[in-house]
Amino acid sequence: STRLYASPLAMDDDNNRERIEGLVLLLRSVLEARNRVMIEVNAAEERLEAVVSLLPCMREATVSPLYGNSGYAVKAAVPKEQLPVVIPAVKAAGGTDVVVTALAQIVP
């Protein structure tokens, strides 16, 4: 397991506290990224709501129009263990061109 220890004296100093908290933020971002992957999928306009509703996002899915207004690109950082359920459901809802990529860091 990953652990970070800081002495109470170090935490009492504002400069040290800021540096330690920054390091904690970076470490947590890497640990969080280990549990999620980025899924990207294309969807026609009439299938967009169905596809987006299936994605277990951190906040909301990112939706961008495709070139030529031929549909939308949807992406979300989803829990890795949910992929076996999410991918078939997204395909059944009309999603196409599914791409899954690993994440290096997630900073909330």
PDB file of N, CA and C in Angstrom:
ATOM      1  N   SER A   1       0.847  -1.181   0.000  1.00  0.00           N
ATOM      2  CA  SER A   1       0.000   0.000   0.000  1.00  0.00           C
ATOM      3  C   SER A   1       0.890   1.242   0.000  1.00  0.00           C
ATOM      4  N   THR A   2       0.329   2.319  -0.473  1.00  0.00           N
ATOM      5  CA  THR A   2       1.057   3.579  -0.532  1.00  0.00           C
ATOM      6  C   THR A   2       0.737   4.392   0.714  1.00  0.00           C
ATOM      7  N   ARG A   3       1.773   4.868   1.374  1.00  0.00           N
ATOM      8  CA  ARG A   3       1.607   5.682   2.579  1.00  0.00           C
ATOM      9  C   ARG A   3       2.592   6.834   2.547  1.00  0.00           C
ATOM     10  N   LEU A   4       2.170   7.951   3.100  1.00  0.00           N
ATOM     11  CA  LEU A   4       3.034   9.111   3.222  1.00  0.00           C
ATOM     12  C   LEU A   4       2.961   9.584   4.667  1.00  0.00           C
ATOM     13  N   TYR A   5       4.088   9.706   5.282  1.00  0.00           N
ATOM     14  CA  TYR A   5       4.158  10.164   6.668  1.00  0.00           C
ATOM     15  C   TYR A   5       4.828  11.519   6.702  1.00  0.00           C
ATOM     16  N   ALA A   6       4.292  12.415   7.522  1.00  0.00           N
ATOM     17  CA  ALA A   6       4.896  13.731   7.723  1.00  0.00           C
ATOM     18  C   ALA A   6       4.870  14.017   9.218  1.00  0.00           C
ATOM     19  N   SER A   7       5.943  14.569   9.713  1.00  0.00           N
ATOM     20  CA  SER A   7       6.000  14.873  11.140  1.00  0.00           C
ATOM     21  C   SER A   7       5.071  16.035  11.462  1.00  0.00           C
ATOM     22  N   PRO A   8       4.552  16.065  12.676  1.00  0.00           N
ATOM     23  CA  PRO A   8       3.702  17.199  13.081  1.00  0.00           C
ATOM     24  C   PRO A   8       4.428  18.541  12.954  1.00  0.00           C
ATOM     25  N   LEU A   9       5.742  18.539  13.197  1.00  0.00           N
ATOM     26  CA  LEU A   9       6.503  19.788  13.059  1.00  0.00           C
ATOM     27  C   LEU A   9       6.519  20.271  11.613  1.00  0.00           C
ATOM     28  N   ALA A  10       6.655  19.349  10.684  1.00  0.00           N
ATOM     29  CA  ALA A  10       6.644  19.723   9.260  1.00  0.00           C
ATOM     30  C   ALA A  10       5.292  20.292   8.865  1.00  0.00           C
ATOM     31  N   MET A  11       4.227  19.731   9.407  1.00  0.00           N
ATOM     32  CA  MET A  11       2.883  20.191   9.058  1.00  0.00           C
ATOM     33  C   MET A  11       2.556  21.542   9.699  1.00  0.00           C
ATOM     34  N   ASP A  12       3.271  21.907  10.759  1.00  0.00           N
ATOM     35  CA  ASP A  12       3.037  23.203  11.407  1.00  0.00           C
ATOM     36  C   ASP A  12       3.616  24.367  10.601  1.00  0.00           C
ATOM     37  N   ASP A  13       4.594  24.083   9.762  1.00  0.00           N
ATOM     38  CA  ASP A  13       5.195  25.116   8.918  1.00  0.00           C
ATOM     39  C   ASP A  13       4.357  25.256   7.650  1.00  0.00           C
ATOM     40  N   ASP A  14       3.873  26.460   7.349  1.00  0.00           N
ATOM     41  CA  ASP A  14       2.985  26.687   6.197  1.00  0.00           C
ATOM     42  C   ASP A  14       3.616  26.282   4.874  1.00  0.00           C
ATOM     43  N   ASN A  15       4.884  26.596   4.687  1.00  0.00           N
ATOM     44  CA  ASN A  15       5.572  26.251   3.448  1.00  0.00           C
ATOM     45  C   ASN A  15       5.674  24.738   3.280  1.00  0.00           C
ATOM     46  N   ASN A  16       6.075  24.050   4.338  1.00  0.00           N
ATOM     47  CA  ASN A  16       6.168  22.589   4.288  1.00  0.00           C
ATOM     48  C   ASN A  16       4.799  21.955   4.086  1.00  0.00           C
ATOM     49  N   ARG A  17       3.799  22.473   4.789  1.00  0.00           N
ATOM     50  CA  ARG A  17       2.448  21.934   4.658  1.00  0.00           C
ATOM     51  C   ARG A  17       1.969  22.021   3.204  1.00  0.00           C
ATOM     52  N   GLU A  18       2.215  23.159   2.565  1.00  0.00           N
ATOM     53  CA  GLU A  18       1.798  23.347   1.172  1.00  0.00           C
ATOM     54  C   GLU A  18       2.494  22.336   0.258  1.00  0.00           C
ATOM     55  N   ARG A  19       3.771  22.126   0.447  1.00  0.00           N
ATOM     56  CA  ARG A  19       4.516  21.158  -0.368  1.00  0.00           C
ATOM     57  C   ARG A  19       4.025  19.731  -0.126  1.00  0.00           C
ATOM     58  N   ILE A  20       3.793  19.393   1.126  1.00  0.00           N
ATOM     59  CA  ILE A  20       3.306  18.048   1.460  1.00  0.00           C
ATOM     60  C   ILE A  20       1.924  17.827   0.871  1.00  0.00           C
ATOM     61  N   GLU A  21       1.039  18.801   0.997  1.00  0.00           N
ATOM     62  CA  GLU A  21      -0.305  18.670   0.435  1.00  0.00           C
ATOM     63  C   GLU A  21      -0.273  18.573  -1.086  1.00  0.00           C
ATOM     64  N   GLY A  22       0.667  19.266  -1.722  1.00  0.00           N
ATOM     65  CA  GLY A  22       0.825  19.145  -3.172  1.00  0.00           C
ATOM     66  C   GLY A  22       1.268  17.751  -3.571  1.00  0.00           C
ATOM     67  N   LEU A  23       2.186  17.183  -2.817  1.00  0.00           N
ATOM     68  CA  LEU A  23       2.633  15.818  -3.078  1.00  0.00           C
ATOM     69  C   LEU A  23       1.498  14.822  -2.874  1.00  0.00           C
ATOM     70  N   VAL A  24       0.711  15.020  -1.836  1.00  0.00           N
ATOM     71  CA  VAL A  24      -0.442  14.146  -1.580  1.00  0.00           C
ATOM     72  C   VAL A  24      -1.426  14.220  -2.750  1.00  0.00           C
ATOM     73  N   LEU A  25      -1.680  15.406  -3.249  1.00  0.00           N
ATOM     74  CA  LEU A  25      -2.570  15.577  -4.403  1.00  0.00           C
ATOM     75  C   LEU A  25      -2.074  14.775  -5.600  1.00  0.00           C
ATOM     76  N   LEU A  26      -0.780  14.856  -5.885  1.00  0.00           N
ATOM     77  CA  LEU A  26      -0.215  14.132  -7.023  1.00  0.00           C
ATOM     78  C   LEU A  26      -0.269  12.616  -6.821  1.00  0.00           C
ATOM     79  N   LEU A  27       0.055  12.167  -5.624  1.00  0.00           N
ATOM     80  CA  LEU A  27      -0.014  10.726  -5.348  1.00  0.00           C
ATOM     81  C   LEU A  27      -1.439  10.199  -5.471  1.00  0.00           C
ATOM     82  N   ARG A  28      -2.392  10.939  -4.914  1.00  0.00           N
ATOM     83  CA  ARG A  28      -3.799  10.517  -5.018  1.00  0.00           C
ATOM     84  C   ARG A  28      -4.269  10.493  -6.465  1.00  0.00           C
ATOM     85  N   SER A  29      -3.786  11.420  -7.268  1.00  0.00           N
ATOM     86  CA  SER A  29      -4.221  11.464  -8.671  1.00  0.00           C
ATOM     87  C   SER A  29      -3.752  10.226  -9.428  1.00  0.00           C
ATOM     88  N   VAL A  30      -2.574   9.734  -9.105  1.00  0.00           N
ATOM     89  CA  VAL A  30      -2.068   8.511  -9.740  1.00  0.00           C
ATOM     90  C   VAL A  30      -2.854   7.301  -9.256  1.00  0.00           C
ATOM     91  N   LEU A  31      -3.119   7.237  -7.962  1.00  0.00           N
ATOM     92  CA  LEU A  31      -3.876   6.114  -7.406  1.00  0.00           C
ATOM     93  C   LEU A  31      -5.297   6.075  -7.972  1.00  0.00           C
ATOM     94  N   GLU A  32      -5.918   7.223  -8.117  1.00  0.00           N
ATOM     95  CA  GLU A  32      -7.265   7.284  -8.693  1.00  0.00           C
ATOM     96  C   GLU A  32      -7.253   6.831 -10.146  1.00  0.00           C
ATOM     97  N   ALA A  33      -6.238   7.219 -10.888  1.00  0.00           N
ATOM     98  CA  ALA A  33      -6.145   6.853 -12.303  1.00  0.00           C
ATOM     99  C   ALA A  33      -5.992   5.342 -12.489  1.00  0.00           C
ATOM    100  N   ARG A  34      -5.424   4.666 -11.515  1.00  0.00           N
ATOM    101  CA  ARG A  34      -5.272   3.203 -11.618  1.00  0.00           C
ATOM    102  C   ARG A  34      -6.611   2.486 -11.630  1.00  0.00           C
ATOM    103  N   ASN A  35      -7.645   3.126 -11.115  1.00  0.00           N
ATOM    104  CA  ASN A  35      -8.967   2.502 -11.013  1.00  0.00           C
ATOM    105  C   ASN A  35      -9.910   2.879 -12.147  1.00  0.00           C
ATOM    106  N   ARG A  36      -9.480   3.760 -13.021  1.00  0.00           N
ATOM    107  CA  ARG A  36     -10.364   4.232 -14.093  1.00  0.00           C
ATOM    108  C   ARG A  36      -9.670   4.149 -15.448  1.00  0.00           C
ATOM    109  N   VAL A  37     -10.471   4.128 -16.485  1.00  0.00           N
ATOM    110  CA  VAL A  37      -9.990   4.219 -17.859  1.00  0.00           C
ATOM    111  C   VAL A  37     -10.852   5.251 -18.576  1.00  0.00           C
ATOM    112  N   MET A  38     -10.305   5.793 -19.659  1.00  0.00           N
ATOM    113  CA  MET A  38     -11.078   6.725 -20.474  1.00  0.00           C
ATOM    114  C   MET A  38     -11.751   5.933 -21.583  1.00  0.00           C
ATOM    115  N   ILE A  39     -13.063   6.044 -21.650  1.00  0.00           N
ATOM    116  CA  ILE A  39     -13.796   5.407 -22.742  1.00  0.00           C
ATOM    117  C   ILE A  39     -14.301   6.516 -23.655  1.00  0.00           C
ATOM    118  N   GLU A  40     -14.068   6.330 -24.939  1.00  0.00           N
ATOM    119  CA  GLU A  40     -14.525   7.282 -25.947  1.00  0.00           C
ATOM    120  C   GLU A  40     -15.391   6.519 -26.929  1.00  0.00           C
ATOM    121  N   VAL A  41     -16.512   7.086 -27.284  1.00  0.00           N
ATOM    122  CA  VAL A  41     -17.459   6.417 -28.175  1.00  0.00           C
ATOM    123  C   VAL A  41     -18.159   7.469 -29.036  1.00  0.00           C
ATOM    124  N   ASN A  42     -18.457   7.106 -30.252  1.00  0.00           N
ATOM    125  CA  ASN A  42     -19.226   7.977 -31.127  1.00  0.00           C
ATOM    126  C   ASN A  42     -20.693   7.583 -31.059  1.00  0.00           C
ATOM    127  N   ALA A  43     -21.567   8.570 -31.222  1.00  0.00           N
ATOM    128  CA  ALA A  43     -23.006   8.306 -31.176  1.00  0.00           C
ATOM    129  C   ALA A  43     -23.727   9.242 -32.133  1.00  0.00           C
ATOM    130  N   ALA A  44     -24.706   8.699 -32.836  1.00  0.00           N
ATOM    131  CA  ALA A  44     -25.572   9.523 -33.674  1.00  0.00           C
ATOM    132  C   ALA A  44     -26.436  10.389 -32.766  1.00  0.00           C
ATOM    133  N   GLU A  45     -26.917  11.504 -33.285  1.00  0.00           N
ATOM    134  CA  GLU A  45     -27.696  12.434 -32.466  1.00  0.00           C
ATOM    135  C   GLU A  45     -28.886  11.755 -31.792  1.00  0.00           C
ATOM    136  N   GLU A  46     -29.568  10.885 -32.510  1.00  0.00           N
ATOM    137  CA  GLU A  46     -30.757  10.234 -31.941  1.00  0.00           C
ATOM    138  C   GLU A  46     -30.414   9.166 -30.892  1.00  0.00           C
ATOM    139  N   ARG A  47     -29.154   8.780 -30.788  1.00  0.00           N
ATOM    140  CA  ARG A  47     -28.715   7.775 -29.810  1.00  0.00           C
ATOM    141  C   ARG A  47     -27.906   8.386 -28.664  1.00  0.00           C
ATOM    142  N   LEU A  48     -27.645   9.687 -28.750  1.00  0.00           N
ATOM    143  CA  LEU A  48     -26.755  10.353 -27.801  1.00  0.00           C
ATOM    144  C   LEU A  48     -27.213  10.197 -26.348  1.00  0.00           C
ATOM    145  N   GLU A  49     -28.449  10.511 -26.049  1.00  0.00           N
ATOM    146  CA  GLU A  49     -28.932  10.432 -24.663  1.00  0.00           C
ATOM    147  C   GLU A  49     -28.832   9.015 -24.114  1.00  0.00           C
ATOM    148  N   ALA A  50     -29.163   8.030 -24.932  1.00  0.00           N
ATOM    149  CA  ALA A  50     -29.091   6.636 -24.487  1.00  0.00           C
ATOM    150  C   ALA A  50     -27.658   6.240 -24.161  1.00  0.00           C
ATOM    151  N   VAL A  51     -26.710   6.653 -24.988  1.00  0.00           N
ATOM    152  CA  VAL A  51     -25.300   6.318 -24.766  1.00  0.00           C
ATOM    153  C   VAL A  51     -24.770   7.030 -23.526  1.00  0.00           C
ATOM    154  N   VAL A  52     -25.019   8.319 -23.414  1.00  0.00           N
ATOM    155  CA  VAL A  52     -24.514   9.100 -22.284  1.00  0.00           C
ATOM    156  C   VAL A  52     -25.074   8.570 -20.962  1.00  0.00           C
ATOM    157  N   SER A  53     -26.320   8.167 -20.957  1.00  0.00           N
ATOM    158  CA  SER A  53     -26.948   7.700 -19.710  1.00  0.00           C
ATOM    159  C   SER A  53     -26.314   6.420 -19.172  1.00  0.00           C
ATOM    160  N   LEU A  54     -25.595   5.693 -20.003  1.00  0.00           N
ATOM    161  CA  LEU A  54     -24.980   4.430 -19.591  1.00  0.00           C
ATOM    162  C   LEU A  54     -23.572   4.595 -19.018  1.00  0.00           C
ATOM    163  N   LEU A  55     -22.990   5.757 -19.170  1.00  0.00           N
ATOM    164  CA  LEU A  55     -21.607   5.958 -18.760  1.00  0.00           C
ATOM    165  C   LEU A  55     -21.510   6.418 -17.306  1.00  0.00           C
ATOM    166  N   PRO A  56     -20.871   5.611 -16.453  1.00  0.00           N
ATOM    167  CA  PRO A  56     -20.686   6.003 -15.052  1.00  0.00           C
ATOM    168  C   PRO A  56     -19.539   7.009 -14.935  1.00  0.00           C
ATOM    169  N   CYS A  57     -19.855   8.270 -15.075  1.00  0.00           N
ATOM    170  CA  CYS A  57     -18.850   9.338 -15.136  1.00  0.00           C
ATOM    171  C   CYS A  57     -18.444   9.817 -13.749  1.00  0.00           C
ATOM    172  N   MET A  58     -17.339  10.533 -13.701  1.00  0.00           N
ATOM    173  CA  MET A  58     -16.916  11.185 -12.459  1.00  0.00           C
ATOM    174  C   MET A  58     -17.868  12.345 -12.152  1.00  0.00           C
ATOM    175  N   ARG A  59     -18.208  13.119 -13.141  1.00  0.00           N
ATOM    176  CA  ARG A  59     -19.156  14.219 -12.993  1.00  0.00           C
ATOM    177  C   ARG A  59     -20.187  14.112 -14.105  1.00  0.00           C
ATOM    178  N   GLU A  60     -19.808  14.478 -15.307  1.00  0.00           N
ATOM    179  CA  GLU A  60     -20.650  14.361 -16.498  1.00  0.00           C
ATOM    180  C   GLU A  60     -19.761  13.944 -17.660  1.00  0.00           C
ATOM    181  N   ALA A  61     -20.347  13.287 -18.635  1.00  0.00           N
ATOM    182  CA  ALA A  61     -19.592  12.916 -19.834  1.00  0.00           C
ATOM    183  C   ALA A  61     -19.259  14.173 -20.635  1.00  0.00           C
ATOM    184  N   THR A  62     -18.146  14.125 -21.360  1.00  0.00           N
ATOM    185  CA  THR A  62     -17.789  15.203 -22.277  1.00  0.00           C
ATOM    186  C   THR A  62     -18.357  14.840 -23.642  1.00  0.00           C
ATOM    187  N   VAL A  63     -19.101  15.756 -24.232  1.00  0.00           N
ATOM    188  CA  VAL A  63     -19.745  15.516 -25.524  1.00  0.00           C
ATOM    189  C   VAL A  63     -19.305  16.607 -26.484  1.00  0.00           C
ATOM    190  N   SER A  64     -18.807  16.186 -27.647  1.00  0.00           N
ATOM    191  CA  SER A  64     -18.351  17.125 -28.672  1.00  0.00           C
ATOM    192  C   SER A  64     -18.930  16.713 -30.013  1.00  0.00           C
ATOM    193  N   PRO A  65     -19.322  17.691 -30.838  1.00  0.00           N
ATOM    194  CA  PRO A  65     -19.822  17.336 -32.168  1.00  0.00           C
ATOM    195  C   PRO A  65     -18.694  16.798 -33.050  1.00  0.00           C
ATOM    196  N   LEU A  66     -19.018  15.816 -33.871  1.00  0.00           N
ATOM    197  CA  LEU A  66     -18.064  15.287 -34.834  1.00  0.00           C
ATOM    198  C   LEU A  66     -17.968  16.236 -36.027  1.00  0.00           C
ATOM    199  N   TYR A  67     -16.860  16.171 -36.721  1.00  0.00           N
ATOM    200  CA  TYR A  67     -16.664  16.977 -37.919  1.00  0.00           C
ATOM    201  C   TYR A  67     -17.790  16.685 -38.912  1.00  0.00           C
ATOM    202  N   GLY A  68     -18.349  17.713 -39.489  1.00  0.00           N
ATOM    203  CA  GLY A  68     -19.423  17.557 -40.456  1.00  0.00           C
ATOM    204  C   GLY A  68     -20.774  17.300 -39.816  1.00  0.00           C
ATOM    205  N   ASN A  69     -20.855  17.476 -38.499  1.00  0.00           N
ATOM    206  CA  ASN A  69     -22.110  17.275 -37.761  1.00  0.00           C
ATOM    207  C   ASN A  69     -22.735  15.911 -38.015  1.00  0.00           C
ATOM    208  N   SER A  70     -21.892  14.879 -38.091  1.00  0.00           N
ATOM    209  CA  SER A  70     -22.392  13.524 -38.362  1.00  0.00           C
ATOM    210  C   SER A  70     -22.631  12.729 -37.087  1.00  0.00           C
ATOM    211  N   GLY A  71     -22.673  13.398 -35.953  1.00  0.00           N
ATOM    212  CA  GLY A  71     -22.896  12.739 -34.678  1.00  0.00           C
ATOM    213  C   GLY A  71     -22.059  13.394 -33.608  1.00  0.00           C
ATOM    214  N   TYR A  72     -21.835  12.651 -32.535  1.00  0.00           N
ATOM    215  CA  TYR A  72     -21.116  13.198 -31.396  1.00  0.00           C
ATOM    216  C   TYR A  72     -20.046  12.235 -30.899  1.00  0.00           C
ATOM    217  N   ALA A  73     -18.988  12.801 -30.354  1.00  0.00           N
ATOM    218  CA  ALA A  73     -17.968  12.034 -29.652  1.00  0.00           C
ATOM    219  C   ALA A  73     -18.253  12.206 -28.163  1.00  0.00           C
ATOM    220  N   VAL A  74     -18.290  11.095 -27.458  1.00  0.00           N
ATOM    221  CA  VAL A  74     -18.583  11.104 -26.026  1.00  0.00           C
ATOM    222  C   VAL A  74     -17.414  10.455 -25.312  1.00  0.00           C
ATOM    223  N   LYS A  75     -16.965  11.073 -24.219  1.00  0.00           N
ATOM    224  CA  LYS A  75     -15.910  10.423 -23.458  1.00  0.00           C
ATOM    225  C   LYS A  75     -16.139  10.629 -21.974  1.00  0.00           C
ATOM    226  N   ALA A  76     -15.683   9.615 -21.211  1.00  0.00           N
ATOM    227  CA  ALA A  76     -15.844   9.646 -19.769  1.00  0.00           C
ATOM    228  C   ALA A  76     -14.795   8.753 -19.119  1.00  0.00           C
ATOM    229  N   ALA A  77     -14.358   9.138 -17.928  1.00  0.00           N
ATOM    230  CA  ALA A  77     -13.438   8.318 -17.139  1.00  0.00           C
ATOM    231  C   ALA A  77     -14.299   7.387 -16.287  1.00  0.00           C
ATOM    232  N   VAL A  78     -14.315   6.117 -16.649  1.00  0.00           N
ATOM    233  CA  VAL A  78     -15.193   5.157 -15.975  1.00  0.00           C
ATOM    234  C   VAL A  78     -14.376   4.182 -15.126  1.00  0.00           C
ATOM    235  N   PRO A  79     -14.988   3.645 -14.084  1.00  0.00           N
ATOM    236  CA  PRO A  79     -14.286   2.633 -13.291  1.00  0.00           C
ATOM    237  C   PRO A  79     -13.911   1.432 -14.157  1.00  0.00           C
ATOM    238  N   LYS A  80     -12.672   1.009 -14.051  1.00  0.00           N
ATOM    239  CA  LYS A  80     -12.138  -0.069 -14.878  1.00  0.00           C
ATOM    240  C   LYS A  80     -12.947  -1.356 -14.743  1.00  0.00           C
ATOM    241  N   GLU A  81     -13.378  -1.671 -13.532  1.00  0.00           N
ATOM    242  CA  GLU A  81     -14.094  -2.929 -13.319  1.00  0.00           C
ATOM    243  C   GLU A  81     -15.488  -2.947 -13.945  1.00  0.00           C
ATOM    244  N   GLN A  82     -16.012  -1.791 -14.350  1.00  0.00           N
ATOM    245  CA  GLN A  82     -17.332  -1.744 -14.975  1.00  0.00           C
ATOM    246  C   GLN A  82     -17.296  -1.896 -16.494  1.00  0.00           C
ATOM    247  N   LEU A  83     -16.101  -1.934 -17.092  1.00  0.00           N
ATOM    248  CA  LEU A  83     -15.993  -2.050 -18.549  1.00  0.00           C
ATOM    249  C   LEU A  83     -16.720  -3.248 -19.141  1.00  0.00           C
ATOM    250  N   PRO A  84     -16.648  -4.446 -18.538  1.00  0.00           N
ATOM    251  CA  PRO A  84     -17.340  -5.585 -19.142  1.00  0.00           C
ATOM    252  C   PRO A  84     -18.850  -5.398 -19.265  1.00  0.00           C
ATOM    253  N   VAL A  85     -19.414  -4.529 -18.447  1.00  0.00           N
ATOM    254  CA  VAL A  85     -20.849  -4.238 -18.523  1.00  0.00           C
ATOM    255  C   VAL A  85     -21.105  -3.024 -19.416  1.00  0.00           C
ATOM    256  N   VAL A  86     -20.271  -2.002 -19.279  1.00  0.00           N
ATOM    257  CA  VAL A  86     -20.485  -0.735 -19.980  1.00  0.00           C
ATOM    258  C   VAL A  86     -20.330  -0.877 -21.491  1.00  0.00           C
ATOM    259  N   ILE A  87     -19.278  -1.547 -21.953  1.00  0.00           N
ATOM    260  CA  ILE A  87     -19.027  -1.612 -23.396  1.00  0.00           C
ATOM    261  C   ILE A  87     -20.173  -2.298 -24.146  1.00  0.00           C
ATOM    262  N   PRO A  88     -20.634  -3.481 -23.747  1.00  0.00           N
ATOM    263  CA  PRO A  88     -21.762  -4.086 -24.471  1.00  0.00           C
ATOM    264  C   PRO A  88     -23.031  -3.231 -24.402  1.00  0.00           C
ATOM    265  N   ALA A  89     -23.260  -2.580 -23.256  1.00  0.00           N
ATOM    266  CA  ALA A  89     -24.457  -1.743 -23.117  1.00  0.00           C
ATOM    267  C   ALA A  89     -24.391  -0.536 -24.047  1.00  0.00           C
ATOM    268  N   VAL A  90     -23.218   0.081 -24.141  1.00  0.00           N
ATOM    269  CA  VAL A  90     -23.036   1.238 -25.028  1.00  0.00           C
ATOM    270  C   VAL A  90     -23.228   0.823 -26.486  1.00  0.00           C
ATOM    271  N   LYS A  91     -22.665  -0.319 -26.853  1.00  0.00           N
ATOM    272  CA  LYS A  91     -22.849  -0.815 -28.225  1.00  0.00           C
ATOM    273  C   LYS A  91     -24.321  -1.096 -28.513  1.00  0.00           C
ATOM    274  N   ALA A  92     -25.018  -1.711 -27.564  1.00  0.00           N
ATOM    275  CA  ALA A  92     -26.440  -2.022 -27.751  1.00  0.00           C
ATOM    276  C   ALA A  92     -27.294  -0.754 -27.857  1.00  0.00           C
ATOM    277  N   ALA A  93     -26.840   0.320 -27.221  1.00  0.00           N
ATOM    278  CA  ALA A  93     -27.566   1.588 -27.269  1.00  0.00           C
ATOM    279  C   ALA A  93     -27.269   2.386 -28.530  1.00  0.00           C
ATOM    280  N   GLY A  94     -26.377   1.876 -29.383  1.00  0.00           N
ATOM    281  CA  GLY A  94     -26.081   2.555 -30.637  1.00  0.00           C
ATOM    282  C   GLY A  94     -24.736   3.250 -30.682  1.00  0.00           C
ATOM    283  N   GLY A  95     -23.906   3.058 -29.677  1.00  0.00           N
ATOM    284  CA  GLY A  95     -22.566   3.643 -29.697  1.00  0.00           C
ATOM    285  C   GLY A  95     -21.678   2.905 -30.690  1.00  0.00           C
ATOM    286  N   THR A  96     -20.780   3.630 -31.322  1.00  0.00           N
ATOM    287  CA  THR A  96     -19.857   3.022 -32.287  1.00  0.00           C
ATOM    288  C   THR A  96     -18.437   3.495 -31.991  1.00  0.00           C
ATOM    289  N   ASP A  97     -17.476   2.805 -32.590  1.00  0.00           N
ATOM    290  CA  ASP A  97     -16.079   3.218 -32.525  1.00  0.00           C
ATOM    291  C   ASP A  97     -15.596   3.419 -31.080  1.00  0.00           C
ATOM    292  N   VAL A  98     -15.801   2.431 -30.241  1.00  0.00           N
ATOM    293  CA  VAL A  98     -15.428   2.513 -28.828  1.00  0.00           C
ATOM    294  C   VAL A  98     -13.910   2.393 -28.689  1.00  0.00           C
ATOM    295  N   VAL A  99     -13.320   3.344 -27.976  1.00  0.00           N
ATOM    296  CA  VAL A  99     -11.889   3.326 -27.705  1.00  0.00           C
ATOM    297  C   VAL A  99     -11.705   3.449 -26.188  1.00  0.00           C
ATOM    298  N   VAL A 100     -10.857   2.589 -25.633  1.00  0.00           N
ATOM    299  CA  VAL A 100     -10.562   2.605 -24.201  1.00  0.00           C
ATOM    300  C   VAL A 100      -9.068   2.859 -24.027  1.00  0.00           C
ATOM    301  N   THR A 101      -8.724   3.847 -23.208  1.00  0.00           N
ATOM    302  CA  THR A 101      -7.319   4.172 -22.970  1.00  0.00           C
ATOM    303  C   THR A 101      -7.044   4.256 -21.473  1.00  0.00           C
ATOM    304  N   ALA A 102      -5.791   3.941 -21.119  1.00  0.00           N
ATOM    305  CA  ALA A 102      -5.363   4.033 -19.722  1.00  0.00           C
ATOM    306  C   ALA A 102      -5.130   5.491 -19.351  1.00  0.00           C
ATOM    307  N   LEU A 103      -5.287   5.776 -18.090  1.00  0.00           N
ATOM    308  CA  LEU A 103      -5.067   7.130 -17.583  1.00  0.00           C
ATOM    309  C   LEU A 103      -3.834   7.160 -16.712  1.00  0.00           C
ATOM    310  N   ALA A 104      -3.097   8.241 -16.764  1.00  0.00           N
ATOM    311  CA  ALA A 104      -1.912   8.387 -15.921  1.00  0.00           C
ATOM    312  C   ALA A 104      -2.241   9.079 -14.603  1.00  0.00           C
ATOM    313  N   GLN A 105      -3.089  10.086 -14.643  1.00  0.00           N
ATOM    314  CA  GLN A 105      -3.448  10.823 -13.450  1.00  0.00           C
ATOM    315  C   GLN A 105      -4.871  11.363 -13.587  1.00  0.00           C
ATOM    316  N   ILE A 106      -5.562  11.452 -12.447  1.00  0.00           N
ATOM    317  CA  ILE A 106      -6.862  12.105 -12.387  1.00  0.00           C
ATOM    318  C   ILE A 106      -6.804  13.069 -11.206  1.00  0.00           C
ATOM    319  N   VAL A 107      -6.903  14.354 -11.482  1.00  0.00           N
ATOM    320  CA  VAL A 107      -6.858  15.370 -10.432  1.00  0.00           C
ATOM    321  C   VAL A 107      -8.255  15.961 -10.326  1.00  0.00           C
ATOM    322  N   PRO A 108      -8.987  15.635  -9.246  1.00  0.00           N
ATOM    323  CA  PRO A 108     -10.357  16.160  -9.123  1.00  0.00           C
ATOM    324  C   PRO A 108     -10.380  17.651  -8.880  1.00  0.00           C
TER     325      PRO A 108
END
